[in-house]
């Protein structure tokens, strides 16, 4: 049984990297990609994926607001947060 996934991140290289990594498991199928929060919410509504992997900080609508909307609309979708670290101390 396949797990359908939408990847939402405003950085192309991150989306491509996640997609490549997920493709190593034949049961994980990326069904959509979003470059901002509004697109992510639209894809979640339309495609009804099992999981949305979502960046916290995206243009138009951030990941926190997206999660709130997904939960409010009672979409049967789990959400995993993706956060980039840009500076290590």
N, C-alpha and C. Protein backbone atom coordinates (compact mmCIF):
# COMPACT_ATOMS: atom_id res chain seq x y z
N UNK A 1 0.84 -1.18 0.00
CA UNK A 1 0.00 0.00 0.00
C UNK A 1 0.88 1.25 0.00
N UNK A 2 0.67 2.13 -0.94
CA UNK A 2 1.48 3.33 -1.09
C UNK A 2 1.04 4.43 -0.13
N UNK A 3 2.02 5.22 0.28
CA UNK A 3 1.77 6.42 1.08
C UNK A 3 1.97 7.61 0.15
N UNK A 4 0.91 8.39 -0.04
CA UNK A 4 0.96 9.54 -0.94
C UNK A 4 1.39 10.79 -0.18
N UNK A 5 2.36 11.50 -0.75
CA UNK A 5 3.01 12.62 -0.06
C UNK A 5 3.01 13.87 -0.93
N UNK A 6 2.75 15.02 -0.30
CA UNK A 6 2.94 16.33 -0.92
C UNK A 6 4.11 16.99 -0.20
N UNK A 7 5.03 17.54 -0.97
CA UNK A 7 6.17 18.26 -0.42
C UNK A 7 5.93 19.75 -0.62
N UNK A 8 6.03 20.52 0.47
CA UNK A 8 5.81 21.96 0.40
C UNK A 8 7.03 22.69 0.95
N UNK A 9 7.77 23.33 0.05
CA UNK A 9 8.94 24.11 0.44
C UNK A 9 9.22 25.11 -0.66
N UNK A 10 9.61 26.32 -0.27
CA UNK A 10 9.85 27.35 -1.27
C UNK A 10 11.23 27.24 -1.93
N UNK A 11 12.04 26.30 -1.51
CA UNK A 11 13.36 26.10 -2.11
C UNK A 11 13.36 24.84 -2.97
N UNK A 12 13.61 25.03 -4.25
CA UNK A 12 13.59 23.92 -5.21
C UNK A 12 14.54 22.80 -4.81
N UNK A 13 15.74 23.15 -4.39
CA UNK A 13 16.74 22.13 -4.05
C UNK A 13 16.27 21.26 -2.88
N UNK A 14 15.54 21.84 -1.93
CA UNK A 14 15.02 21.06 -0.81
C UNK A 14 13.94 20.10 -1.30
N UNK A 15 13.03 20.59 -2.13
CA UNK A 15 11.97 19.72 -2.67
C UNK A 15 12.58 18.57 -3.47
N UNK A 16 13.57 18.89 -4.31
CA UNK A 16 14.20 17.86 -5.12
C UNK A 16 14.92 16.83 -4.25
N UNK A 17 15.62 17.30 -3.23
CA UNK A 17 16.34 16.40 -2.33
C UNK A 17 15.40 15.47 -1.58
N UNK A 18 14.31 16.02 -1.05
CA UNK A 18 13.33 15.20 -0.35
C UNK A 18 12.70 14.17 -1.29
N UNK A 19 12.36 14.63 -2.49
CA UNK A 19 11.75 13.74 -3.47
C UNK A 19 12.70 12.59 -3.83
N UNK A 20 13.97 12.91 -4.02
CA UNK A 20 14.95 11.89 -4.35
C UNK A 20 15.10 10.89 -3.20
N UNK A 21 15.18 11.40 -1.98
CA UNK A 21 15.32 10.54 -0.81
C UNK A 21 14.09 9.64 -0.65
N UNK A 22 12.91 10.21 -0.78
CA UNK A 22 11.67 9.44 -0.62
C UNK A 22 11.52 8.38 -1.71
N UNK A 23 12.06 8.65 -2.89
CA UNK A 23 11.92 7.70 -4.00
C UNK A 23 12.69 6.41 -3.75
N UNK A 24 13.55 6.38 -2.75
CA UNK A 24 14.29 5.16 -2.42
C UNK A 24 13.36 4.07 -1.88
N UNK A 25 12.22 4.47 -1.37
CA UNK A 25 11.23 3.51 -0.87
C UNK A 25 10.05 3.47 -1.84
N UNK A 26 9.82 2.34 -2.48
CA UNK A 26 8.76 2.27 -3.49
C UNK A 26 7.34 2.49 -2.93
N UNK A 27 7.18 2.40 -1.61
CA UNK A 27 5.87 2.62 -1.01
C UNK A 27 5.57 4.09 -0.76
N UNK A 28 6.58 4.95 -0.92
CA UNK A 28 6.40 6.39 -0.71
C UNK A 28 6.32 7.06 -2.08
N UNK A 29 5.18 7.69 -2.36
CA UNK A 29 4.94 8.28 -3.67
C UNK A 29 4.65 9.78 -3.51
N UNK A 30 5.51 10.61 -4.10
CA UNK A 30 5.29 12.06 -4.08
C UNK A 30 4.26 12.38 -5.16
N UNK A 31 3.11 12.87 -4.72
CA UNK A 31 2.00 13.15 -5.65
C UNK A 31 1.87 14.62 -6.00
N UNK A 32 2.61 15.48 -5.28
CA UNK A 32 2.53 16.91 -5.56
C UNK A 32 3.63 17.68 -4.86
N UNK A 33 3.92 18.86 -5.40
CA UNK A 33 4.91 19.77 -4.83
C UNK A 33 4.34 21.18 -4.81
N UNK A 34 4.59 21.87 -3.71
CA UNK A 34 4.11 23.25 -3.57
C UNK A 34 5.28 24.16 -3.23
N UNK A 35 5.22 25.40 -3.75
CA UNK A 35 6.29 26.36 -3.50
C UNK A 35 5.91 27.40 -2.45
N UNK A 36 4.66 27.37 -2.00
CA UNK A 36 4.24 28.28 -0.93
C UNK A 36 3.09 27.64 -0.16
N UNK A 37 2.73 28.26 0.94
CA UNK A 37 1.70 27.69 1.80
C UNK A 37 0.33 27.60 1.17
N UNK A 38 -0.01 28.58 0.36
CA UNK A 38 -1.33 28.55 -0.29
C UNK A 38 -1.43 27.37 -1.27
N UNK A 39 -0.36 27.14 -2.05
CA UNK A 39 -0.34 25.99 -2.95
C UNK A 39 -0.42 24.68 -2.17
N UNK A 40 0.27 24.62 -1.05
CA UNK A 40 0.26 23.41 -0.23
C UNK A 40 -1.15 23.08 0.26
N UNK A 41 -1.85 24.09 0.72
CA UNK A 41 -3.22 23.88 1.20
C UNK A 41 -4.13 23.45 0.05
N UNK A 42 -3.99 24.09 -1.11
CA UNK A 42 -4.79 23.71 -2.28
C UNK A 42 -4.53 22.26 -2.68
N UNK A 43 -3.24 21.85 -2.68
CA UNK A 43 -2.92 20.46 -3.03
C UNK A 43 -3.45 19.48 -1.99
N UNK A 44 -3.39 19.85 -0.72
CA UNK A 44 -3.92 18.97 0.33
C UNK A 44 -5.42 18.76 0.14
N UNK A 45 -6.12 19.82 -0.20
CA UNK A 45 -7.57 19.71 -0.44
C UNK A 45 -7.86 18.86 -1.68
N UNK A 46 -7.12 19.11 -2.75
CA UNK A 46 -7.38 18.47 -4.03
C UNK A 46 -6.91 17.01 -4.07
N UNK A 47 -5.68 16.77 -3.63
CA UNK A 47 -5.08 15.44 -3.77
C UNK A 47 -5.34 14.52 -2.58
N UNK A 48 -5.69 15.11 -1.43
CA UNK A 48 -5.93 14.34 -0.20
C UNK A 48 -4.80 13.35 0.08
N UNK A 49 -3.56 13.85 0.18
CA UNK A 49 -2.43 12.96 0.44
C UNK A 49 -2.47 12.39 1.85
N UNK A 50 -1.74 11.33 2.07
CA UNK A 50 -1.62 10.77 3.42
C UNK A 50 -0.77 11.69 4.30
N UNK A 51 0.24 12.31 3.69
CA UNK A 51 1.20 13.15 4.42
C UNK A 51 1.54 14.39 3.60
N UNK A 52 1.68 15.52 4.30
CA UNK A 52 2.26 16.73 3.71
C UNK A 52 3.54 17.02 4.49
N UNK A 53 4.67 17.06 3.79
CA UNK A 53 5.93 17.48 4.40
C UNK A 53 6.04 18.97 4.12
N UNK A 54 6.01 19.78 5.18
CA UNK A 54 5.85 21.22 5.00
C UNK A 54 6.93 22.03 5.71
N UNK A 55 7.48 22.99 4.98
CA UNK A 55 8.41 23.95 5.55
C UNK A 55 7.63 24.90 6.46
N UNK A 56 8.23 25.28 7.56
CA UNK A 56 7.58 26.23 8.47
C UNK A 56 7.50 27.62 7.88
N UNK A 57 8.56 28.04 7.19
CA UNK A 57 8.67 29.41 6.70
C UNK A 57 8.57 29.43 5.17
N UNK A 58 7.39 29.79 4.68
CA UNK A 58 7.17 29.89 3.24
C UNK A 58 6.43 31.18 2.95
N UNK A 59 6.55 31.65 1.71
CA UNK A 59 5.81 32.86 1.35
C UNK A 59 4.31 32.59 1.22
N UNK A 60 3.55 33.63 1.16
CA UNK A 60 2.09 33.66 0.99
C UNK A 60 1.38 33.18 2.24
N UNK A 61 1.64 31.95 2.68
CA UNK A 61 1.03 31.41 3.90
C UNK A 61 2.07 30.50 4.54
N UNK A 62 2.37 30.70 5.82
CA UNK A 62 3.40 29.88 6.45
C UNK A 62 2.86 28.50 6.85
N UNK A 63 3.77 27.61 7.21
CA UNK A 63 3.42 26.24 7.55
C UNK A 63 2.49 26.12 8.75
N UNK A 64 2.66 26.98 9.74
CA UNK A 64 1.80 26.93 10.93
C UNK A 64 0.35 27.24 10.54
N UNK A 65 0.16 28.25 9.73
CA UNK A 65 -1.20 28.59 9.29
C UNK A 65 -1.80 27.45 8.44
N UNK A 66 -0.95 26.84 7.61
CA UNK A 66 -1.41 25.69 6.81
C UNK A 66 -1.91 24.55 7.70
N UNK A 67 -1.12 24.23 8.71
CA UNK A 67 -1.51 23.14 9.61
C UNK A 67 -2.85 23.47 10.27
N UNK A 68 -2.99 24.72 10.71
CA UNK A 68 -4.24 25.15 11.33
C UNK A 68 -5.42 24.93 10.39
N UNK A 69 -5.25 25.32 9.13
CA UNK A 69 -6.33 25.16 8.14
C UNK A 69 -6.62 23.68 7.85
N UNK A 70 -5.56 22.88 7.72
CA UNK A 70 -5.75 21.44 7.46
C UNK A 70 -6.52 20.80 8.60
N UNK A 71 -6.18 21.15 9.82
CA UNK A 71 -6.89 20.59 10.99
C UNK A 71 -8.33 21.12 11.08
N UNK A 72 -8.50 22.42 10.80
CA UNK A 72 -9.82 23.04 10.87
C UNK A 72 -10.78 22.39 9.87
N UNK A 73 -10.24 22.07 8.68
CA UNK A 73 -11.07 21.45 7.63
C UNK A 73 -11.19 19.94 7.79
N UNK A 74 -10.54 19.42 8.82
CA UNK A 74 -10.59 17.99 9.13
C UNK A 74 -10.17 17.11 7.95
N UNK A 75 -9.12 17.58 7.24
CA UNK A 75 -8.56 16.78 6.15
C UNK A 75 -7.85 15.58 6.77
N UNK A 76 -8.02 14.43 6.17
CA UNK A 76 -7.41 13.21 6.69
C UNK A 76 -5.97 13.12 6.21
N UNK A 77 -5.16 14.08 6.65
CA UNK A 77 -3.77 14.22 6.21
C UNK A 77 -2.89 14.48 7.41
N UNK A 78 -1.80 13.73 7.51
CA UNK A 78 -0.80 14.00 8.55
C UNK A 78 0.16 15.04 8.02
N UNK A 79 0.75 15.83 8.93
CA UNK A 79 1.69 16.87 8.51
C UNK A 79 3.00 16.67 9.24
N UNK A 80 4.09 16.67 8.47
CA UNK A 80 5.43 16.63 9.02
C UNK A 80 6.11 17.94 8.70
N UNK A 81 6.77 18.52 9.67
CA UNK A 81 7.42 19.81 9.47
C UNK A 81 8.85 19.62 8.99
N UNK A 82 9.25 20.47 8.04
CA UNK A 82 10.61 20.50 7.52
C UNK A 82 11.18 21.85 7.88
N UNK A 83 12.32 21.85 8.56
CA UNK A 83 12.94 23.12 8.96
C UNK A 83 14.40 23.09 8.57
N UNK A 84 14.85 24.14 7.92
CA UNK A 84 16.25 24.24 7.51
C UNK A 84 17.04 24.92 8.61
N UNK A 85 18.26 24.44 8.82
CA UNK A 85 19.19 25.09 9.74
C UNK A 85 20.22 25.81 8.90
N UNK A 86 20.34 27.10 9.09
CA UNK A 86 21.26 27.87 8.26
C UNK A 86 22.55 28.27 9.00
N UNK A 87 22.54 28.18 10.34
CA UNK A 87 23.72 28.55 11.09
C UNK A 87 23.86 27.64 12.30
N UNK A 88 25.01 27.06 12.45
CA UNK A 88 25.30 26.22 13.61
C UNK A 88 26.26 26.95 14.51
N UNK A 89 25.98 26.96 15.81
CA UNK A 89 26.88 27.62 16.76
C UNK A 89 27.96 26.67 17.22
